[in-house]
Amino acid sequence: MYQATARYVRVSAQKSVRVIDLVQKKYVNEALNNLAFMPNKPARIIEKLIKSAVANAQNVDKNVDAKRLYVKELRIGKGPHLRRFQPKAMGRAGRILKPLSHFTVVLEEK
């Protein structure tokens, strides 16, 4: 079991769920091919994270074959919100919440 994490990523967890569903339980090569053709931001982040997990696997165990690794688990958790304020009418301020997320990829060899 090999893993990689990315914390405090500036993308909402809700938008990332669509990408996660297409990648989970697939071989690494197939997952990376699917992610390469997705136009959204979470796809780039998850692609980079899977590559990092493969590098971690090869660093820990020299005999591991990258072709036999598959994405066992891909978790996303909600992080804190960046709070920004925008001026509104009559001297008031409107709050803008910019969400952050935490990603974890777990790879396993079949």
N, C-alpha and C. Protein backbone atom coordinates (compact mmCIF):
# COMPACT_ATOMS: atom_id res chain seq x y z
N MET A 1 0.85 -1.17 0.00
CA MET A 1 0.00 0.00 0.00
C MET A 1 0.89 1.24 0.00
N TYR A 2 0.74 2.06 -0.99
CA TYR A 2 1.54 3.28 -1.14
C TYR A 2 0.59 4.46 -1.26
N GLN A 3 0.98 5.59 -0.69
CA GLN A 3 0.06 6.72 -0.73
C GLN A 3 0.78 8.05 -0.90
N ALA A 4 0.00 9.05 -1.29
CA ALA A 4 0.48 10.42 -1.41
C ALA A 4 -0.67 11.33 -1.00
N THR A 5 -0.35 12.45 -0.40
CA THR A 5 -1.38 13.39 0.03
C THR A 5 -1.07 14.80 -0.47
N ALA A 6 -2.12 15.54 -0.70
CA ALA A 6 -2.01 16.96 -1.03
C ALA A 6 -3.01 17.68 -0.13
N ARG A 7 -2.51 18.60 0.66
CA ARG A 7 -3.38 19.29 1.61
C ARG A 7 -3.48 20.76 1.26
N TYR A 8 -4.60 21.35 1.65
CA TYR A 8 -4.87 22.77 1.44
C TYR A 8 -4.80 23.15 -0.05
N VAL A 9 -5.45 22.36 -0.87
CA VAL A 9 -5.50 22.60 -2.31
C VAL A 9 -6.67 23.54 -2.59
N ARG A 10 -6.45 24.53 -3.40
CA ARG A 10 -7.44 25.58 -3.65
C ARG A 10 -8.45 25.15 -4.73
N VAL A 11 -9.27 24.15 -4.38
CA VAL A 11 -10.35 23.68 -5.25
C VAL A 11 -11.42 23.09 -4.33
N SER A 12 -12.68 23.21 -4.71
CA SER A 12 -13.74 22.72 -3.84
C SER A 12 -13.85 21.20 -3.93
N ALA A 13 -14.24 20.59 -2.83
CA ALA A 13 -14.38 19.14 -2.78
C ALA A 13 -15.52 18.68 -3.67
N GLN A 14 -16.55 19.49 -3.79
CA GLN A 14 -17.72 19.14 -4.58
C GLN A 14 -17.38 18.99 -6.06
N LYS A 15 -16.52 19.85 -6.58
CA LYS A 15 -16.13 19.78 -7.98
C LYS A 15 -15.20 18.60 -8.25
N SER A 16 -14.48 18.18 -7.22
CA SER A 16 -13.51 17.10 -7.39
C SER A 16 -14.15 15.72 -7.39
N VAL A 17 -15.34 15.61 -6.85
CA VAL A 17 -15.99 14.30 -6.73
C VAL A 17 -16.24 13.70 -8.11
N ARG A 18 -16.59 14.53 -9.10
CA ARG A 18 -16.84 14.03 -10.45
C ARG A 18 -15.60 13.38 -11.05
N VAL A 19 -14.46 13.96 -10.79
CA VAL A 19 -13.20 13.43 -11.31
C VAL A 19 -12.83 12.14 -10.58
N ILE A 20 -13.04 12.11 -9.28
CA ILE A 20 -12.67 10.96 -8.46
C ILE A 20 -13.43 9.71 -8.90
N ASP A 21 -14.71 9.87 -9.23
CA ASP A 21 -15.53 8.73 -9.62
C ASP A 21 -15.02 8.05 -10.89
N LEU A 22 -14.38 8.81 -11.78
CA LEU A 22 -13.88 8.25 -13.03
C LEU A 22 -12.52 7.57 -12.91
N VAL A 23 -11.83 7.79 -11.79
CA VAL A 23 -10.46 7.31 -11.63
C VAL A 23 -10.34 6.16 -10.64
N GLN A 24 -11.23 6.13 -9.67
CA GLN A 24 -11.12 5.17 -8.59
C GLN A 24 -11.26 3.72 -9.09
N LYS A 25 -10.50 2.81 -8.49
CA LYS A 25 -10.51 1.37 -8.79
C LYS A 25 -10.01 1.05 -10.20
N LYS A 26 -9.13 1.88 -10.75
CA LYS A 26 -8.57 1.62 -12.08
C LYS A 26 -7.05 1.52 -11.97
N TYR A 27 -6.46 0.87 -12.97
CA TYR A 27 -5.00 0.81 -13.02
C TYR A 27 -4.43 2.20 -13.23
N VAL A 28 -3.21 2.41 -12.78
CA VAL A 28 -2.59 3.74 -12.82
C VAL A 28 -2.49 4.27 -14.24
N ASN A 29 -2.06 3.44 -15.19
CA ASN A 29 -1.93 3.90 -16.58
C ASN A 29 -3.27 4.35 -17.15
N GLU A 30 -4.30 3.58 -16.88
CA GLU A 30 -5.64 3.92 -17.37
C GLU A 30 -6.15 5.19 -16.71
N ALA A 31 -5.91 5.34 -15.41
CA ALA A 31 -6.35 6.54 -14.68
C ALA A 31 -5.65 7.78 -15.20
N LEU A 32 -4.34 7.68 -15.45
CA LEU A 32 -3.59 8.84 -15.95
C LEU A 32 -4.03 9.21 -17.37
N ASN A 33 -4.36 8.21 -18.19
CA ASN A 33 -4.88 8.50 -19.53
C ASN A 33 -6.22 9.22 -19.46
N ASN A 34 -7.09 8.78 -18.57
CA ASN A 34 -8.39 9.44 -18.41
C ASN A 34 -8.22 10.88 -17.94
N LEU A 35 -7.32 11.09 -16.99
CA LEU A 35 -7.12 12.43 -16.43
C LEU A 35 -6.48 13.39 -17.43
N ALA A 36 -5.67 12.86 -18.34
CA ALA A 36 -4.99 13.72 -19.31
C ALA A 36 -5.96 14.44 -20.23
N PHE A 37 -7.13 13.85 -20.46
CA PHE A 37 -8.09 14.45 -21.38
C PHE A 37 -9.23 15.19 -20.69
N MET A 38 -9.13 15.35 -19.37
CA MET A 38 -10.15 16.12 -18.65
C MET A 38 -9.71 17.57 -18.54
N PRO A 39 -10.60 18.51 -18.83
CA PRO A 39 -10.20 19.91 -18.88
C PRO A 39 -10.23 20.65 -17.53
N ASN A 40 -10.69 20.01 -16.47
CA ASN A 40 -10.88 20.77 -15.23
C ASN A 40 -9.69 20.70 -14.28
N LYS A 41 -9.65 21.63 -13.34
CA LYS A 41 -8.53 21.80 -12.43
C LYS A 41 -8.30 20.60 -11.50
N PRO A 42 -9.33 20.00 -10.92
CA PRO A 42 -9.08 18.83 -10.06
C PRO A 42 -8.38 17.69 -10.79
N ALA A 43 -8.59 17.56 -12.10
CA ALA A 43 -7.93 16.50 -12.86
C ALA A 43 -6.43 16.69 -12.86
N ARG A 44 -5.95 17.91 -13.01
CA ARG A 44 -4.51 18.19 -12.97
C ARG A 44 -3.92 17.85 -11.60
N ILE A 45 -4.64 18.19 -10.55
CA ILE A 45 -4.16 17.96 -9.18
C ILE A 45 -4.09 16.46 -8.90
N ILE A 46 -5.13 15.72 -9.27
CA ILE A 46 -5.17 14.28 -9.02
C ILE A 46 -4.13 13.56 -9.87
N GLU A 47 -3.93 14.02 -11.10
CA GLU A 47 -2.92 13.42 -11.98
C GLU A 47 -1.53 13.55 -11.35
N LYS A 48 -1.22 14.73 -10.86
CA LYS A 48 0.07 14.98 -10.22
C LYS A 48 0.22 14.14 -8.95
N LEU A 49 -0.87 13.97 -8.22
CA LEU A 49 -0.85 13.20 -6.98
C LEU A 49 -0.65 11.71 -7.24
N ILE A 50 -1.26 11.19 -8.29
CA ILE A 50 -1.07 9.77 -8.63
C ILE A 50 0.37 9.53 -9.06
N LYS A 51 0.93 10.44 -9.84
CA LYS A 51 2.33 10.31 -10.24
C LYS A 51 3.26 10.35 -9.03
N SER A 52 2.92 11.17 -8.05
CA SER A 52 3.70 11.24 -6.81
C SER A 52 3.61 9.94 -6.03
N ALA A 53 2.42 9.34 -5.98
CA ALA A 53 2.24 8.08 -5.27
C ALA A 53 3.02 6.95 -5.95
N VAL A 54 3.06 6.96 -7.29
CA VAL A 54 3.85 5.96 -8.03
C VAL A 54 5.33 6.14 -7.72
N ALA A 55 5.80 7.39 -7.68
CA ALA A 55 7.20 7.66 -7.33
C ALA A 55 7.50 7.22 -5.90
N ASN A 56 6.56 7.42 -4.98
CA ASN A 56 6.73 6.96 -3.60
C ASN A 56 6.84 5.44 -3.57
N ALA A 57 6.01 4.77 -4.35
CA ALA A 57 6.04 3.30 -4.39
C ALA A 57 7.38 2.80 -4.90
N GLN A 58 7.89 3.42 -5.96
CA GLN A 58 9.16 2.99 -6.53
C GLN A 58 10.34 3.34 -5.62
N ASN A 59 10.18 4.36 -4.82
CA ASN A 59 11.23 4.75 -3.89
C ASN A 59 11.28 3.80 -2.69
N VAL A 60 10.12 3.37 -2.23
CA VAL A 60 10.05 2.47 -1.08
C VAL A 60 10.46 1.06 -1.47
N ASP A 61 9.93 0.59 -2.60
CA ASP A 61 10.20 -0.78 -3.04
C ASP A 61 10.70 -0.75 -4.48
N LYS A 62 11.96 -1.07 -4.67
CA LYS A 62 12.58 -0.99 -6.01
C LYS A 62 11.99 -2.01 -6.99
N ASN A 63 11.40 -3.09 -6.47
CA ASN A 63 10.88 -4.15 -7.33
C ASN A 63 9.44 -3.92 -7.78
N VAL A 64 8.81 -2.85 -7.33
CA VAL A 64 7.40 -2.63 -7.67
C VAL A 64 7.28 -2.27 -9.16
N ASP A 65 6.26 -2.85 -9.79
CA ASP A 65 6.01 -2.60 -11.20
C ASP A 65 4.86 -1.59 -11.32
N ALA A 66 5.14 -0.46 -11.95
CA ALA A 66 4.13 0.61 -12.06
C ALA A 66 2.92 0.17 -12.87
N LYS A 67 3.09 -0.80 -13.75
CA LYS A 67 1.97 -1.28 -14.57
C LYS A 67 0.97 -2.10 -13.76
N ARG A 68 1.43 -2.66 -12.64
CA ARG A 68 0.56 -3.49 -11.81
C ARG A 68 -0.12 -2.73 -10.69
N LEU A 69 0.21 -1.45 -10.53
CA LEU A 69 -0.41 -0.64 -9.48
C LEU A 69 -1.79 -0.17 -9.92
N TYR A 70 -2.72 -0.13 -8.97
CA TYR A 70 -4.04 0.41 -9.25
C TYR A 70 -4.46 1.36 -8.13
N VAL A 71 -5.38 2.23 -8.42
CA VAL A 71 -5.86 3.22 -7.45
C VAL A 71 -6.87 2.53 -6.55
N LYS A 72 -6.41 2.15 -5.37
CA LYS A 72 -7.28 1.44 -4.44
C LYS A 72 -8.29 2.39 -3.82
N GLU A 73 -7.81 3.56 -3.44
CA GLU A 73 -8.68 4.51 -2.74
C GLU A 73 -8.25 5.92 -3.10
N LEU A 74 -9.22 6.78 -3.30
CA LEU A 74 -8.96 8.19 -3.58
C LEU A 74 -9.93 8.98 -2.72
N ARG A 75 -9.41 9.58 -1.67
CA ARG A 75 -10.24 10.30 -0.71
C ARG A 75 -10.10 11.80 -0.91
N ILE A 76 -11.17 12.50 -0.65
CA ILE A 76 -11.13 13.95 -0.65
C ILE A 76 -11.85 14.42 0.60
N GLY A 77 -11.23 15.36 1.28
CA GLY A 77 -11.83 15.91 2.48
C GLY A 77 -11.93 17.42 2.38
N LYS A 78 -12.92 17.95 3.04
CA LYS A 78 -13.07 19.40 3.03
C LYS A 78 -12.04 20.02 3.96
N GLY A 79 -11.44 21.08 3.51
CA GLY A 79 -10.49 21.82 4.32
C GLY A 79 -11.15 23.11 4.81
N PRO A 80 -10.37 24.01 5.34
CA PRO A 80 -10.92 25.29 5.79
C PRO A 80 -11.29 26.17 4.60
N HIS A 81 -11.96 27.25 4.88
CA HIS A 81 -12.34 28.22 3.85
C HIS A 81 -11.47 29.46 3.98
N LEU A 82 -11.03 29.99 2.84
CA LEU A 82 -10.42 31.31 2.84
C LEU A 82 -11.56 32.31 2.88
N ARG A 83 -11.50 33.25 3.78
CA ARG A 83 -12.58 34.23 3.89
C ARG A 83 -12.12 35.54 3.27
N ARG A 84 -12.87 36.00 2.29
CA ARG A 84 -12.59 37.27 1.63
C ARG A 84 -13.84 38.12 1.72
N PHE A 85 -13.68 39.43 1.65
CA PHE A 85 -14.81 40.33 1.77
C PHE A 85 -14.89 41.23 0.55
N GLN A 86 -16.12 41.49 0.13
CA GLN A 86 -16.38 42.34 -1.02
C GLN A 86 -17.27 43.48 -0.57
N PRO A 87 -16.97 44.71 -0.97
CA PRO A 87 -17.81 45.84 -0.57
C PRO A 87 -19.23 45.70 -1.13
N LYS A 88 -20.19 46.05 -0.30
CA LYS A 88 -21.60 46.03 -0.70
C LYS A 88 -22.21 47.41 -0.48
N ALA A 89 -23.48 47.50 -0.71
CA ALA A 89 -24.16 48.78 -0.61
C ALA A 89 -24.24 49.27 0.84
N MET A 90 -24.31 50.56 1.02
CA MET A 90 -24.49 51.24 2.32
C MET A 90 -23.38 50.88 3.31
N GLY A 91 -22.15 50.74 2.81
CA GLY A 91 -21.00 50.54 3.70
C GLY A 91 -20.88 49.15 4.28
N ARG A 92 -21.66 48.23 3.81
CA ARG A 92 -21.59 46.86 4.33
C ARG A 92 -20.54 46.06 3.56
N ALA A 93 -20.26 44.85 4.08
CA ALA A 93 -19.31 43.95 3.43
C ALA A 93 -19.95 42.58 3.27
N GLY A 94 -19.80 42.02 2.10
CA GLY A 94 -20.31 40.67 1.86
C GLY A 94 -19.17 39.67 1.92
N ARG A 95 -19.41 38.58 2.58
CA ARG A 95 -18.36 37.58 2.76
C ARG A 95 -18.32 36.63 1.56
N ILE A 96 -17.13 36.31 1.09
CA ILE A 96 -16.91 35.34 0.02
C ILE A 96 -16.09 34.21 0.61
N LEU A 97 -16.58 32.98 0.50
CA LEU A 97 -15.87 31.81 1.02
C LEU A 97 -15.21 31.07 -0.14
N LYS A 98 -13.91 30.88 -0.04
CA LYS A 98 -13.16 30.14 -1.05
C LYS A 98 -12.69 28.83 -0.42
N PRO A 99 -13.27 27.70 -0.85
CA PRO A 99 -13.00 26.43 -0.18
C PRO A 99 -11.63 25.85 -0.51
N LEU A 100 -11.08 25.09 0.44
CA LEU A 100 -9.85 24.34 0.28
C LEU A 100 -10.17 22.86 0.49
N SER A 101 -9.33 21.98 -0.05
CA SER A 101 -9.57 20.54 0.06
C SER A 101 -8.28 19.80 0.40
N HIS A 102 -8.45 18.59 0.90
CA HIS A 102 -7.35 17.68 1.17
C HIS A 102 -7.57 16.41 0.34
N PHE A 103 -6.55 16.00 -0.42
CA PHE A 103 -6.62 14.80 -1.25
C PHE A 103 -5.68 13.73 -0.71
N THR A 104 -6.10 12.47 -0.79
CA THR A 104 -5.24 11.34 -0.46
C THR A 104 -5.45 10.25 -1.50
N VAL A 105 -4.35 9.76 -2.07
CA VAL A 105 -4.39 8.67 -3.04
C VAL A 105 -3.68 7.47 -2.43
N VAL A 106 -4.34 6.32 -2.49
CA VAL A 106 -3.76 5.06 -2.00
C VAL A 106 -3.66 4.10 -3.18
N LEU A 107 -2.45 3.64 -3.45
CA LEU A 107 -2.21 2.69 -4.54
C LEU A 107 -1.89 1.32 -3.94
N GLU A 108 -2.24 0.28 -4.68
CA GLU A 108 -1.90 -1.07 -4.25
C GLU A 108 -1.54 -1.89 -5.49
N GLU A 109 -0.75 -2.90 -5.28
CA GLU A 109 -0.30 -3.75 -6.39
C GLU A 109 -1.20 -4.97 -6.52
N LYS A 110 -1.60 -5.27 -7.76
CA LYS A 110 -2.42 -6.48 -8.01
C LYS A 110 -1.53 -7.60 -8.46
